[in-house]
Amino acid sequence: MAHPFLQTLSDELNAVGIATFRYQFPYMEQRRGAPDRPPLLAATVAAAIEAAKKTAAGLPLLAGGKSMGGRMTSQAAAQGLLDDVRGLVFFGFPLHPPGNPGTKRADHLAKVTQPMLFLQGTRDTFADLKLLRPVSAKLGSRAILHVIDSADHSFHVLKSSGTTDAAVLGHLARTTASWADRLLSRQPSVGH
């Protein structure tokens, strides 16, 4: 939760009007190497959403995360644990382990009812775009895939790209804000 990437991304999102609520998975909090089992990870996401709802009562909620955090958020949504969430944002969805391409990690996305924004780099070894593009297309209008040229899984870009990592993080935030604005303008507001 305190990783420099997440802190900087949170700052960039705040700058474009999106408040963030960060949290730790238990294994990270306890400094264990191996991730918790998926049911505990999904329950942690659901608990974080409940805490965010209380903290920001009345504000529309988006959920998501970086890499595994995004994937666990999508699994919680597929299980119906995030009904109050208006949309999901994935900063580098981990479709497969590096060097082991496949789409099994996306099977649950068909059960997600919320709109989804996938932000992916062209050099992301965790998501071959030749596989992710058809996954996104199969989800239809619920999914938007936004590709960042030259970015890897951490959204680090090559010097030859003509941009910087900082500029990419600003772009991720502005893209998220624009998507959220369109999404929230066509959905009814939260009932009180």
C-alpha atoms as a PDB file:
ATOM      1  CA  MET A   1       0.000   0.000   0.000  1.00  0.00           C
ATOM      2  CA  ALA A   2       2.953   2.323   0.644  1.00  0.00           C
ATOM      3  CA  HIS A   3       4.851   1.328  -2.519  1.00  0.00           C
ATOM      4  CA  PRO A   4       6.133   4.441  -4.335  1.00  0.00           C
ATOM      5  CA  PHE A   5       4.174   3.501  -7.494  1.00  0.00           C
ATOM      6  CA  LEU A   6       0.899   3.305  -5.560  1.00  0.00           C
ATOM      7  CA  GLN A   7       1.618   6.504  -3.639  1.00  0.00           C
ATOM      8  CA  THR A   8       2.398   8.419  -6.832  1.00  0.00           C
ATOM      9  CA  LEU A   9      -0.619   6.972  -8.646  1.00  0.00           C
ATOM     10  CA  SER A  10      -2.813   7.902  -5.668  1.00  0.00           C
ATOM     11  CA  ASP A  11      -1.450  11.466  -5.789  1.00  0.00           C
ATOM     12  CA  GLU A  12      -2.131  11.664  -9.540  1.00  0.00           C
ATOM     13  CA  LEU A  13      -5.678  10.344  -9.092  1.00  0.00           C
ATOM     14  CA  ASN A  14      -6.317  12.836  -6.297  1.00  0.00           C
ATOM     15  CA  ALA A  15      -5.093  15.628  -8.591  1.00  0.00           C
ATOM     16  CA  VAL A  16      -7.848  14.774 -11.104  1.00  0.00           C
ATOM     17  CA  GLY A  17     -10.586  14.549  -8.485  1.00  0.00           C
ATOM     18  CA  ILE A  18     -10.544  10.850  -7.604  1.00  0.00           C
ATOM     19  CA  ALA A  19     -10.082  10.125  -3.923  1.00  0.00           C
ATOM     20  CA  THR A  20      -8.305   6.869  -3.154  1.00  0.00           C
ATOM     21  CA  PHE A  21      -8.635   4.355  -0.346  1.00  0.00           C
ATOM     22  CA  ARG A  22      -5.630   2.047  -0.104  1.00  0.00           C
ATOM     23  CA  TYR A  23      -5.370  -1.074   2.039  1.00  0.00           C
ATOM     24  CA  GLN A  24      -3.128  -4.073   2.613  1.00  0.00           C
ATOM     25  CA  PHE A  25      -3.795  -7.739   2.050  1.00  0.00           C
ATOM     26  CA  PRO A  26      -3.092  -9.727   5.256  1.00  0.00           C
ATOM     27  CA  TYR A  27       0.022 -11.433   3.867  1.00  0.00           C
ATOM     28  CA  MET A  28       1.548  -8.044   3.027  1.00  0.00           C
ATOM     29  CA  GLU A  29       0.632  -6.604   6.413  1.00  0.00           C
ATOM     30  CA  GLN A  30       2.249  -9.617   8.099  1.00  0.00           C
ATOM     31  CA  ARG A  31       5.253  -9.448   5.735  1.00  0.00           C
ATOM     32  CA  ARG A  32       4.802 -13.012   4.515  1.00  0.00           C
ATOM     33  CA  GLY A  33       6.095 -13.890   1.050  1.00  0.00           C
ATOM     34  CA  ALA A  34       3.266 -16.061  -0.200  1.00  0.00           C
ATOM     35  CA  PRO A  35      -0.110 -14.456  -0.972  1.00  0.00           C
ATOM     36  CA  ASP A  36      -3.162 -15.459   1.031  1.00  0.00           C
ATOM     37  CA  ARG A  37      -5.663 -17.904  -0.462  1.00  0.00           C
ATOM     38  CA  PRO A  38      -8.111 -16.339  -2.985  1.00  0.00           C
ATOM     39  CA  PRO A  39     -11.150 -16.478  -0.631  1.00  0.00           C
ATOM     40  CA  LEU A  40      -9.296 -14.394   1.982  1.00  0.00           C
ATOM     41  CA  LEU A  41      -8.031 -11.991  -0.695  1.00  0.00           C
ATOM     42  CA  ALA A  42     -11.565 -11.486  -2.062  1.00  0.00           C
ATOM     43  CA  ALA A  43     -12.934 -11.027   1.470  1.00  0.00           C
ATOM     44  CA  THR A  44     -10.244  -8.408   2.110  1.00  0.00           C
ATOM     45  CA  VAL A  45     -11.324  -6.509  -1.001  1.00  0.00           C
ATOM     46  CA  ALA A  46     -14.962  -6.647   0.135  1.00  0.00           C
ATOM     47  CA  ALA A  47     -13.998  -5.410   3.624  1.00  0.00           C
ATOM     48  CA  ALA A  48     -12.017  -2.536   2.100  1.00  0.00           C
ATOM     49  CA  ILE A  49     -15.036  -1.533  -0.003  1.00  0.00           C
ATOM     50  CA  GLU A  50     -17.218  -1.524   3.116  1.00  0.00           C
ATOM     51  CA  ALA A  51     -14.677   0.672   4.911  1.00  0.00           C
ATOM     52  CA  ALA A  52     -14.491   3.014   1.902  1.00  0.00           C
ATOM     53  CA  LYS A  53     -18.300   3.281   1.817  1.00  0.00           C
ATOM     54  CA  LYS A  54     -18.300   4.396   5.456  1.00  0.00           C
ATOM     55  CA  THR A  55     -15.389   6.784   4.957  1.00  0.00           C
ATOM     56  CA  ALA A  56     -16.831   8.402   1.820  1.00  0.00           C
ATOM     57  CA  ALA A  57     -20.545   8.028   2.430  1.00  0.00           C
ATOM     58  CA  GLY A  58     -22.609   9.053  -0.575  1.00  0.00           C
ATOM     59  CA  LEU A  59     -19.750   9.168  -3.077  1.00  0.00           C
ATOM     60  CA  PRO A  60     -19.857   6.806  -6.063  1.00  0.00           C
ATOM     61  CA  LEU A  61     -17.375   3.973  -5.660  1.00  0.00           C
ATOM     62  CA  LEU A  62     -14.921   2.529  -8.138  1.00  0.00           C
ATOM     63  CA  ALA A  63     -12.715  -0.390  -7.173  1.00  0.00           C
ATOM     64  CA  GLY A  64      -9.601  -1.854  -8.638  1.00  0.00           C
ATOM     65  CA  GLY A  65      -5.938  -2.138  -8.117  1.00  0.00           C
ATOM     66  CA  LYS A  66      -2.506  -2.813  -9.439  1.00  0.00           C
ATOM     67  CA  SER A  67      -1.734  -6.297 -10.706  1.00  0.00           C
ATOM     68  CA  MET A  68      -2.960  -8.945  -8.238  1.00  0.00           C
ATOM     69  CA  GLY A  69      -4.963  -6.318  -6.344  1.00  0.00           C
ATOM     70  CA  GLY A  70      -6.962  -5.660  -9.498  1.00  0.00           C
ATOM     71  CA  ARG A  71      -7.414  -9.353 -10.217  1.00  0.00           C
ATOM     72  CA  MET A  72      -8.646 -10.024  -6.676  1.00  0.00           C
ATOM     73  CA  THR A  73     -11.022  -7.058  -6.989  1.00  0.00           C
ATOM     74  CA  SER A  74     -12.445  -8.569 -10.167  1.00  0.00           C
ATOM     75  CA  GLN A  75     -12.829 -11.932  -8.435  1.00  0.00           C
ATOM     76  CA  ALA A  76     -14.684 -10.290  -5.543  1.00  0.00           C
ATOM     77  CA  ALA A  77     -16.942  -8.558  -8.073  1.00  0.00           C
ATOM     78  CA  ALA A  78     -17.549 -11.840  -9.924  1.00  0.00           C
ATOM     79  CA  GLN A  79     -18.641 -13.361  -6.595  1.00  0.00           C
ATOM     80  CA  GLY A  80     -21.181 -10.570  -6.092  1.00  0.00           C
ATOM     81  CA  LEU A  81     -19.283  -9.043  -3.156  1.00  0.00           C
ATOM     82  CA  LEU A  82     -19.050  -5.530  -4.649  1.00  0.00           C
ATOM     83  CA  ASP A  83     -22.623  -4.640  -5.530  1.00  0.00           C
ATOM     84  CA  ASP A  84     -22.222  -0.963  -4.518  1.00  0.00           C
ATOM     85  CA  VAL A  85     -19.230  -0.486  -6.834  1.00  0.00           C
ATOM     86  CA  ARG A  86     -19.969   1.343 -10.103  1.00  0.00           C
ATOM     87  CA  GLY A  87     -16.896   0.243 -12.074  1.00  0.00           C
ATOM     88  CA  LEU A  88     -13.570  -1.581 -11.866  1.00  0.00           C
ATOM     89  CA  VAL A  89     -10.178  -0.181 -12.868  1.00  0.00           C
ATOM     90  CA  PHE A  90      -7.204  -2.475 -13.465  1.00  0.00           C
ATOM     91  CA  PHE A  91      -3.718  -0.974 -13.517  1.00  0.00           C
ATOM     92  CA  GLY A  92      -1.855  -3.814 -15.205  1.00  0.00           C
ATOM     93  CA  PHE A  93      -4.245  -6.788 -15.077  1.00  0.00           C
ATOM     94  CA  PRO A  94      -2.130  -9.953 -14.572  1.00  0.00           C
ATOM     95  CA  LEU A  95      -3.679 -12.166 -17.240  1.00  0.00           C
ATOM     96  CA  HIS A  96      -0.951 -14.803 -16.922  1.00  0.00           C
ATOM     97  CA  PRO A  97       2.458 -15.382 -15.318  1.00  0.00           C
ATOM     98  CA  PRO A  98       5.397 -14.097 -17.375  1.00  0.00           C
ATOM     99  CA  GLY A  99       6.498 -16.678 -19.919  1.00  0.00           C
ATOM    100  CA  ASN A 100       3.342 -18.759 -19.456  1.00  0.00           C
ATOM    101  CA  PRO A 101       0.674 -17.126 -21.659  1.00  0.00           C
ATOM    102  CA  GLY A 102      -2.938 -18.095 -21.142  1.00  0.00           C
ATOM    103  CA  THR A 103      -6.362 -16.663 -20.354  1.00  0.00           C
ATOM    104  CA  LYS A 104      -7.549 -18.882 -17.471  1.00  0.00           C
ATOM    105  CA  ARG A 105      -7.141 -15.951 -15.037  1.00  0.00           C
ATOM    106  CA  ALA A 106      -9.802 -14.086 -17.018  1.00  0.00           C
ATOM    107  CA  ASP A 107     -12.501 -16.777 -16.933  1.00  0.00           C
ATOM    108  CA  HIS A 108     -14.297 -15.151 -13.974  1.00  0.00           C
ATOM    109  CA  LEU A 109     -14.603 -11.779 -15.766  1.00  0.00           C
ATOM    110  CA  ALA A 110     -17.718 -13.005 -17.594  1.00  0.00           C
ATOM    111  CA  LYS A 111     -19.487 -12.921 -14.200  1.00  0.00           C
ATOM    112  CA  VAL A 112     -18.507  -9.310 -13.462  1.00  0.00           C
ATOM    113  CA  THR A 113     -21.491  -7.026 -14.046  1.00  0.00           C
ATOM    114  CA  GLN A 114     -19.726  -3.686 -13.544  1.00  0.00           C
ATOM    115  CA  PRO A 115     -17.978  -1.797 -16.352  1.00  0.00           C
ATOM    116  CA  MET A 116     -14.225  -2.448 -16.443  1.00  0.00           C
ATOM    117  CA  LEU A 117     -11.250  -0.343 -17.527  1.00  0.00           C
ATOM    118  CA  PHE A 118      -8.049  -2.218 -18.323  1.00  0.00           C
ATOM    119  CA  LEU A 119      -4.922  -0.042 -18.407  1.00  0.00           C
ATOM    120  CA  GLN A 120      -2.102  -2.093 -19.913  1.00  0.00           C
ATOM    121  CA  GLY A 121       1.371  -1.502 -21.268  1.00  0.00           C
ATOM    122  CA  THR A 122       2.570  -2.919 -24.573  1.00  0.00           C
ATOM    123  CA  ARG A 123       5.604  -4.452 -22.817  1.00  0.00           C
ATOM    124  CA  ASP A 124       3.647  -6.006 -19.917  1.00  0.00           C
ATOM    125  CA  THR A 125       4.925  -9.585 -19.573  1.00  0.00           C
ATOM    126  CA  PHE A 126       1.908 -10.435 -17.379  1.00  0.00           C
ATOM    127  CA  ALA A 127      -0.591  -9.732 -20.164  1.00  0.00           C
ATOM    128  CA  ASP A 128       0.139 -10.549 -23.778  1.00  0.00           C
ATOM    129  CA  LEU A 129      -2.046  -8.072 -25.656  1.00  0.00           C
ATOM    130  CA  LYS A 130      -2.716 -10.713 -28.319  1.00  0.00           C
ATOM    131  CA  LEU A 131      -4.575 -12.573 -25.563  1.00  0.00           C
ATOM    132  CA  LEU A 132      -5.986  -9.642 -23.602  1.00  0.00           C
ATOM    133  CA  ARG A 133      -7.556  -7.906 -26.603  1.00  0.00           C
ATOM    134  CA  PRO A 134      -9.907 -10.849 -27.370  1.00  0.00           C
ATOM    135  CA  VAL A 135     -10.719 -11.228 -23.647  1.00  0.00           C
ATOM    136  CA  SER A 136     -11.711  -7.564 -23.524  1.00  0.00           C
ATOM    137  CA  ALA A 137     -13.660  -7.794 -26.789  1.00  0.00           C
ATOM    138  CA  LYS A 138     -15.596 -10.814 -25.498  1.00  0.00           C
ATOM    139  CA  LEU A 139     -16.742  -8.735 -22.499  1.00  0.00           C
ATOM    140  CA  GLY A 140     -18.382  -6.329 -24.939  1.00  0.00           C
ATOM    141  CA  SER A 141     -19.366  -2.851 -23.861  1.00  0.00           C
ATOM    142  CA  ARG A 142     -18.560  -3.662 -20.204  1.00  0.00           C
ATOM    143  CA  ALA A 143     -14.819  -3.522 -20.913  1.00  0.00           C
ATOM    144  CA  ILE A 144     -12.476  -0.907 -22.287  1.00  0.00           C
ATOM    145  CA  LEU A 145      -8.838  -1.724 -22.945  1.00  0.00           C
ATOM    146  CA  HIS A 146      -6.553   1.314 -22.925  1.00  0.00           C
ATOM    147  CA  VAL A 147      -3.010   0.523 -24.079  1.00  0.00           C
ATOM    148  CA  ILE A 148       0.044   2.542 -23.061  1.00  0.00           C
ATOM    149  CA  ASP A 149       2.766   2.279 -25.675  1.00  0.00           C
ATOM    150  CA  SER A 150       6.184   1.150 -24.405  1.00  0.00           C
ATOM    151  CA  ALA A 151       5.005   0.616 -20.791  1.00  0.00           C
ATOM    152  CA  ASP A 152       5.805  -2.549 -18.859  1.00  0.00           C
ATOM    153  CA  HIS A 153       3.829  -4.116 -15.986  1.00  0.00           C
ATOM    154  CA  SER A 154       4.962  -1.314 -13.645  1.00  0.00           C
ATOM    155  CA  PHE A 155       4.207   1.298 -16.319  1.00  0.00           C
ATOM    156  CA  HIS A 156       7.909   2.018 -16.699  1.00  0.00           C
ATOM    157  CA  VAL A 157       8.583   3.262 -20.218  1.00  0.00           C
ATOM    158  CA  LEU A 158      11.707   3.118 -22.325  1.00  0.00           C
ATOM    159  CA  LYS A 159      13.679   6.343 -22.718  1.00  0.00           C
ATOM    160  CA  SER A 160      13.242   5.943 -26.480  1.00  0.00           C
ATOM    161  CA  SER A 161       9.453   6.229 -26.028  1.00  0.00           C
ATOM    162  CA  GLY A 162       9.682   9.994 -25.815  1.00  0.00           C
ATOM    163  CA  THR A 163       7.792  10.125 -22.521  1.00  0.00           C
ATOM    164  CA  THR A 164       8.550   9.566 -18.849  1.00  0.00           C
ATOM    165  CA  ASP A 165       7.229   7.313 -16.113  1.00  0.00           C
ATOM    166  CA  ALA A 166       5.786  10.371 -14.356  1.00  0.00           C
ATOM    167  CA  ALA A 167       3.950  11.435 -17.511  1.00  0.00           C
ATOM    168  CA  VAL A 168       2.540   7.924 -17.886  1.00  0.00           C
ATOM    169  CA  LEU A 169       1.176   7.973 -14.323  1.00  0.00           C
ATOM    170  CA  GLY A 170      -0.496  11.307 -15.045  1.00  0.00           C
ATOM    171  CA  HIS A 171      -1.949   9.802 -18.226  1.00  0.00           C
ATOM    172  CA  LEU A 172      -3.282   6.795 -16.274  1.00  0.00           C
ATOM    173  CA  ALA A 173      -5.009   9.130 -13.818  1.00  0.00           C
ATOM    174  CA  ARG A 174      -6.527  11.348 -16.525  1.00  0.00           C
ATOM    175  CA  THR A 175      -7.711   8.304 -18.493  1.00  0.00           C
ATOM    176  CA  THR A 176      -9.313   6.871 -15.344  1.00  0.00           C
ATOM    177  CA  ALA A 177     -11.000  10.189 -14.538  1.00  0.00           C
ATOM    178  CA  SER A 178     -12.352  10.572 -18.069  1.00  0.00           C
ATOM    179  CA  TRP A 179     -13.707   7.001 -18.050  1.00  0.00           C
ATOM    180  CA  ALA A 180     -15.246   7.501 -14.598  1.00  0.00           C
ATOM    181  CA  ASP A 181     -16.886  10.774 -15.675  1.00  0.00           C
ATOM    182  CA  ARG A 182     -18.519   9.063 -18.669  1.00  0.00           C
ATOM    183  CA  LEU A 183     -19.507   6.069 -16.560  1.00  0.00           C
ATOM    184  CA  LEU A 184     -21.026   8.047 -13.711  1.00  0.00           C
ATOM    185  CA  SER A 185     -22.873  10.484 -15.975  1.00  0.00           C
ATOM    186  CA  ARG A 186     -24.931   7.655 -17.478  1.00  0.00           C
ATOM    187  CA  GLN A 187     -25.702   5.772 -14.246  1.00  0.00           C
ATOM    188  CA  PRO A 188     -28.234   6.790 -11.614  1.00  0.00           C
ATOM    189  CA  SER A 189     -26.777   8.270  -8.458  1.00  0.00           C
ATOM    190  CA  VAL A 190     -26.531   6.270  -5.252  1.00  0.00           C
ATOM    191  CA  GLY A 191     -29.789   6.225  -3.291  1.00  0.00           C
ATOM    192  CA  HIS A 192     -29.785   7.765   0.162  1.00  0.00           C
END
